[in-house]
N, C-alpha and C. Protein backbone atom coordinates (compact mmCIF):
# COMPACT_ATOMS: atom_id res chain seq x y z
N MET A 1 -6.92 -22.89 10.55
CA MET A 1 -6.39 -23.96 11.32
C MET A 1 -4.96 -24.29 10.89
N LEU A 2 -4.64 -24.00 9.63
CA LEU A 2 -3.28 -24.30 9.15
C LEU A 2 -2.23 -23.52 9.90
N GLY A 3 -2.65 -22.34 10.42
CA GLY A 3 -1.71 -21.51 11.17
C GLY A 3 -1.26 -22.14 12.47
N ALA A 4 -1.98 -23.14 12.97
CA ALA A 4 -1.61 -23.77 14.24
C ALA A 4 -0.59 -24.86 14.03
N ILE A 5 -0.27 -25.23 12.77
CA ILE A 5 0.67 -26.28 12.53
C ILE A 5 2.04 -26.05 13.14
N PRO A 6 2.66 -24.86 12.95
CA PRO A 6 3.98 -24.66 13.60
C PRO A 6 3.96 -24.82 15.11
N ALA A 7 2.89 -24.34 15.73
CA ALA A 7 2.84 -24.50 17.20
C ALA A 7 2.62 -25.96 17.58
N LEU A 8 1.90 -26.69 16.79
CA LEU A 8 1.68 -28.12 17.08
C LEU A 8 2.96 -28.90 16.89
N VAL A 9 3.79 -28.51 15.91
CA VAL A 9 5.06 -29.20 15.70
C VAL A 9 5.97 -28.95 16.92
N ILE A 10 5.96 -27.72 17.40
CA ILE A 10 6.77 -27.39 18.60
C ILE A 10 6.24 -28.18 19.76
N ALA A 11 4.93 -28.26 19.92
CA ALA A 11 4.33 -29.00 21.02
C ALA A 11 4.68 -30.48 20.99
N SER A 12 4.68 -31.05 19.78
CA SER A 12 4.99 -32.49 19.67
C SER A 12 6.44 -32.72 19.99
N SER A 13 7.35 -31.81 19.64
CA SER A 13 8.78 -31.97 20.00
C SER A 13 8.98 -31.79 21.51
N ALA A 14 8.19 -30.90 22.10
CA ALA A 14 8.29 -30.72 23.58
C ALA A 14 7.77 -31.98 24.28
N ARG A 15 6.75 -32.58 23.77
CA ARG A 15 6.21 -33.80 24.36
C ARG A 15 7.23 -34.93 24.24
N ALA A 16 7.93 -35.00 23.13
CA ALA A 16 8.95 -36.05 22.96
C ALA A 16 10.12 -35.80 23.93
N ALA A 17 10.31 -34.59 24.36
CA ALA A 17 11.40 -34.25 25.27
C ALA A 17 11.02 -34.52 26.74
N GLY A 18 9.80 -35.03 26.97
CA GLY A 18 9.41 -35.35 28.33
C GLY A 18 8.86 -34.15 29.08
N SER A 19 7.94 -33.41 28.46
CA SER A 19 7.37 -32.22 29.12
C SER A 19 6.29 -32.64 30.11
N THR A 20 5.97 -31.75 30.98
CA THR A 20 4.93 -31.99 32.01
C THR A 20 3.56 -31.64 31.45
N PRO A 21 2.48 -32.05 32.15
CA PRO A 21 1.16 -31.67 31.68
C PRO A 21 0.93 -30.13 31.68
N ALA A 22 1.58 -29.42 32.55
CA ALA A 22 1.47 -27.94 32.50
C ALA A 22 2.10 -27.40 31.22
N ASP A 23 3.20 -27.99 30.80
CA ASP A 23 3.82 -27.58 29.54
C ASP A 23 2.92 -27.88 28.36
N ASP A 24 2.23 -29.02 28.43
CA ASP A 24 1.29 -29.37 27.35
C ASP A 24 0.15 -28.37 27.26
N TRP A 25 -0.39 -27.98 28.44
CA TRP A 25 -1.46 -26.98 28.46
C TRP A 25 -0.98 -25.68 27.92
N THR A 26 0.22 -25.28 28.30
CA THR A 26 0.76 -24.02 27.85
C THR A 26 0.92 -24.02 26.33
N MET A 27 1.45 -25.10 25.80
CA MET A 27 1.63 -25.17 24.35
C MET A 27 0.26 -25.21 23.62
N GLY A 28 -0.72 -25.86 24.22
CA GLY A 28 -2.04 -25.87 23.62
C GLY A 28 -2.67 -24.50 23.57
N LEU A 29 -2.51 -23.75 24.69
CA LEU A 29 -3.02 -22.39 24.72
C LEU A 29 -2.30 -21.50 23.74
N LEU A 30 -1.00 -21.67 23.59
CA LEU A 30 -0.25 -20.85 22.63
C LEU A 30 -0.70 -21.21 21.17
N ALA A 31 -0.93 -22.48 20.90
CA ALA A 31 -1.40 -22.88 19.59
C ALA A 31 -2.77 -22.28 19.29
N LEU A 32 -3.65 -22.28 20.30
CA LEU A 32 -4.99 -21.71 20.14
C LEU A 32 -4.93 -20.22 19.92
N ALA A 33 -4.06 -19.52 20.66
CA ALA A 33 -3.91 -18.07 20.52
C ALA A 33 -3.33 -17.73 19.15
N PHE A 34 -2.39 -18.47 18.67
CA PHE A 34 -1.80 -18.24 17.38
C PHE A 34 -2.81 -18.45 16.26
N ALA A 35 -3.57 -19.52 16.35
CA ALA A 35 -4.58 -19.79 15.31
C ALA A 35 -5.67 -18.74 15.31
N SER A 36 -6.08 -18.31 16.51
CA SER A 36 -7.12 -17.23 16.54
C SER A 36 -6.58 -15.91 16.04
N MET A 37 -5.29 -15.62 16.27
CA MET A 37 -4.71 -14.41 15.75
C MET A 37 -4.69 -14.42 14.22
N LEU A 38 -4.36 -15.56 13.64
CA LEU A 38 -4.35 -15.68 12.18
C LEU A 38 -5.78 -15.54 11.61
N LEU A 39 -6.78 -16.07 12.33
CA LEU A 39 -8.14 -15.93 11.88
C LEU A 39 -8.60 -14.48 11.91
N VAL A 40 -8.24 -13.77 12.96
CA VAL A 40 -8.61 -12.34 13.08
C VAL A 40 -7.92 -11.55 11.96
N LEU A 41 -6.67 -11.83 11.71
CA LEU A 41 -5.94 -11.13 10.63
C LEU A 41 -6.55 -11.43 9.26
N ALA A 42 -7.00 -12.67 9.03
CA ALA A 42 -7.61 -12.99 7.77
C ALA A 42 -8.94 -12.24 7.60
N LEU A 43 -9.72 -12.18 8.70
CA LEU A 43 -11.00 -11.44 8.62
C LEU A 43 -10.78 -9.97 8.39
N MET A 44 -9.77 -9.40 9.06
CA MET A 44 -9.50 -7.98 8.90
C MET A 44 -8.99 -7.69 7.49
N GLY A 45 -8.19 -8.59 6.90
CA GLY A 45 -7.72 -8.39 5.56
C GLY A 45 -8.83 -8.49 4.57
N THR A 46 -9.78 -9.40 4.78
CA THR A 46 -10.93 -9.52 3.89
C THR A 46 -11.75 -8.24 3.92
N ARG A 47 -12.00 -7.73 5.14
CA ARG A 47 -12.80 -6.52 5.28
C ARG A 47 -12.07 -5.32 4.66
N LEU A 48 -10.76 -5.25 4.82
CA LEU A 48 -10.02 -4.13 4.24
C LEU A 48 -10.04 -4.18 2.74
N SER A 49 -9.83 -5.33 2.15
CA SER A 49 -9.84 -5.42 0.68
C SER A 49 -11.27 -5.13 0.16
N LYS A 50 -12.32 -5.54 0.85
CA LYS A 50 -13.67 -5.24 0.42
C LYS A 50 -13.90 -3.71 0.42
N GLY A 51 -13.45 -3.07 1.51
CA GLY A 51 -13.58 -1.63 1.59
C GLY A 51 -12.81 -0.89 0.52
N LEU A 52 -11.60 -1.36 0.22
CA LEU A 52 -10.80 -0.74 -0.82
C LEU A 52 -11.49 -0.88 -2.18
N ARG A 53 -12.02 -2.09 -2.47
CA ARG A 53 -12.70 -2.30 -3.73
C ARG A 53 -13.93 -1.39 -3.84
N GLN A 54 -14.70 -1.24 -2.73
CA GLN A 54 -15.85 -0.35 -2.76
C GLN A 54 -15.44 1.10 -2.97
N GLY A 55 -14.35 1.51 -2.35
CA GLY A 55 -13.87 2.89 -2.54
C GLY A 55 -13.44 3.15 -3.96
N ILE A 56 -12.75 2.20 -4.56
CA ILE A 56 -12.32 2.34 -5.96
C ILE A 56 -13.53 2.43 -6.87
N ALA A 57 -14.54 1.56 -6.64
CA ALA A 57 -15.74 1.57 -7.44
C ALA A 57 -16.50 2.89 -7.29
N ALA A 58 -16.57 3.43 -6.09
CA ALA A 58 -17.24 4.69 -5.86
C ALA A 58 -16.48 5.84 -6.54
N ARG A 59 -15.15 5.81 -6.48
CA ARG A 59 -14.36 6.83 -7.13
C ARG A 59 -14.54 6.77 -8.64
N ASP A 60 -14.55 5.57 -9.21
CA ASP A 60 -14.74 5.41 -10.63
C ASP A 60 -16.14 5.83 -11.06
N GLY A 61 -17.12 5.61 -10.18
CA GLY A 61 -18.51 6.08 -10.46
C GLY A 61 -18.57 7.58 -10.54
N HIS A 62 -17.85 8.27 -9.66
CA HIS A 62 -17.86 9.75 -9.65
C HIS A 62 -17.15 10.25 -10.92
N ARG A 63 -16.10 9.58 -11.33
CA ARG A 63 -15.37 9.97 -12.57
C ARG A 63 -16.29 9.84 -13.80
N ASP A 64 -17.02 8.74 -13.84
CA ASP A 64 -17.89 8.53 -14.99
C ASP A 64 -19.00 9.53 -15.05
N ALA A 65 -19.44 10.07 -13.92
CA ALA A 65 -20.51 11.07 -13.85
C ALA A 65 -19.97 12.48 -14.08
N GLY A 66 -18.68 12.64 -14.24
CA GLY A 66 -18.08 13.93 -14.49
C GLY A 66 -17.73 14.69 -13.23
N GLU A 67 -17.80 14.03 -12.08
CA GLU A 67 -17.44 14.67 -10.82
C GLU A 67 -16.02 14.24 -10.45
N PHE A 68 -15.23 15.21 -10.03
CA PHE A 68 -13.84 14.92 -9.61
C PHE A 68 -13.69 15.39 -8.19
N ARG A 69 -12.90 14.67 -7.44
CA ARG A 69 -12.61 15.09 -6.07
C ARG A 69 -11.21 15.56 -5.94
């Protein structure tokens, strides 16, 4: 949710400038899209780091057993 803060700041400045309800809806949708993009990136990063850790552990397990790739 912290990722939506920049879009909300822009939306509040647009509202202060006298924007229309359509502008408000557009800014809200942009804030929602930006926040969801950050959430997806965080989930992908978590999954990637988990996979990398598992790969390193598997490689180290093969080394300890005397197997090399």
